[in-house]
């Protein structure tokens, strides 16, 4: 689970401007962190199907945000993919 401090640091690393808390880059970064934490949980608890479903929803949501970024601004898309080492 993301604590408020972890979330704040992650937002500061990926924000576009000073008051940015909801841009596609920030959302992708937050989802990536949640996905990685949930993946480690599921390695320990293989039968937790409810969390697995939540993970699949997060992955789909992240993919949607990335498609949007790729369509709207290829440079921002490439920057966030490189920063988060995705794909």
Protein backbone atom coordinates (compact mmCIF):
# COMPACT_ATOMS: atom_id res chain seq x y z
CA UNK A 1 0.00 0.00 0.00
CA UNK A 2 1.27 3.44 -0.90
CA UNK A 3 1.76 5.70 2.07
CA UNK A 4 1.18 9.43 1.77
CA UNK A 5 4.92 10.17 1.87
CA UNK A 6 5.74 7.61 -0.84
CA UNK A 7 2.93 8.97 -2.99
CA UNK A 8 4.08 12.55 -2.50
CA UNK A 9 7.68 11.70 -3.47
CA UNK A 10 6.51 9.82 -6.54
CA UNK A 11 4.34 12.74 -7.61
CA UNK A 12 7.24 15.19 -7.16
CA UNK A 13 9.47 13.01 -9.37
CA UNK A 14 7.01 12.81 -12.27
CA UNK A 15 4.99 16.03 -12.18
CA UNK A 16 5.09 18.37 -15.15
CA UNK A 17 4.65 21.60 -13.20
CA UNK A 18 4.59 22.54 -9.53
CA UNK A 19 0.90 21.91 -8.82
CA UNK A 20 0.51 18.87 -11.08
CA UNK A 21 -1.03 15.92 -9.26
CA UNK A 22 -3.23 14.32 -11.91
CA UNK A 23 -1.51 14.37 -15.27
CA UNK A 24 -1.22 11.15 -17.22
CA UNK A 25 2.45 10.81 -16.27
CA UNK A 26 1.70 11.06 -12.56
CA UNK A 27 -1.14 8.57 -12.83
CA UNK A 28 1.02 6.11 -14.76
CA UNK A 29 3.78 6.42 -12.14
CA UNK A 30 1.35 5.85 -9.26
CA UNK A 31 -0.25 2.88 -11.00
CA UNK A 32 3.17 1.40 -11.76
CA UNK A 33 4.15 1.60 -8.08
CA UNK A 34 0.86 0.05 -6.97
CA UNK A 35 1.21 -2.71 -9.57
CA UNK A 36 4.70 -3.58 -8.40
CA UNK A 37 3.62 -3.72 -4.75
CA UNK A 38 0.56 -5.82 -5.57
CA UNK A 39 2.68 -8.17 -7.68
CA UNK A 40 4.93 -8.90 -4.71
CA UNK A 41 1.83 -9.54 -2.59
CA UNK A 42 0.48 -11.98 -5.16
CA UNK A 43 3.76 -13.89 -5.30
CA UNK A 44 3.27 -14.64 -1.62
CA UNK A 45 -0.51 -15.20 -1.77
CA UNK A 46 -1.19 -17.04 -5.03
CA UNK A 47 -4.85 -17.77 -4.29
CA UNK A 48 -5.87 -14.15 -3.66
CA UNK A 49 -8.17 -13.79 -6.68
CA UNK A 50 -9.74 -10.52 -5.52
CA UNK A 51 -6.38 -8.77 -5.47
CA UNK A 52 -5.48 -10.37 -8.82
CA UNK A 53 -8.61 -8.85 -10.35
CA UNK A 54 -7.65 -5.44 -8.95
CA UNK A 55 -4.18 -5.86 -10.42
CA UNK A 56 -5.63 -6.60 -13.86
CA UNK A 57 -7.80 -3.47 -13.63
CA UNK A 58 -4.77 -1.36 -12.70
CA UNK A 59 -2.73 -2.76 -15.59
CA UNK A 60 -5.57 -1.99 -18.01
CA UNK A 61 -5.92 1.53 -16.60
CA UNK A 62 -2.18 2.16 -16.94
CA UNK A 63 -2.27 0.86 -20.51
CA UNK A 64 -5.13 3.28 -21.29
CA UNK A 65 -3.19 6.24 -19.89
CA UNK A 66 -0.10 5.23 -21.87
CA UNK A 67 -2.10 4.93 -25.11
CA UNK A 68 -3.52 8.39 -24.49
CA UNK A 69 -0.04 9.84 -23.95
CA UNK A 70 1.33 8.10 -27.02
CA UNK A 71 -1.48 9.51 -29.14
CA UNK A 72 -1.35 13.07 -27.77
CA UNK A 73 2.37 13.66 -27.16
CA UNK A 74 4.95 11.13 -28.27
CA UNK A 75 7.82 12.92 -26.46
CA UNK A 76 6.07 12.80 -23.05
CA UNK A 77 5.18 9.15 -23.69
CA UNK A 78 8.79 8.23 -24.46
CA UNK A 79 10.03 10.16 -21.42
CA UNK A 80 7.69 8.41 -18.95
CA UNK A 81 8.36 4.97 -20.44
CA UNK A 82 12.08 5.54 -20.12
CA UNK A 83 11.81 7.02 -16.62
CA UNK A 84 9.74 4.10 -15.30
CA UNK A 85 11.56 1.51 -17.46
CA UNK A 86 8.34 0.11 -18.93
CA UNK A 87 8.04 -2.20 -21.95
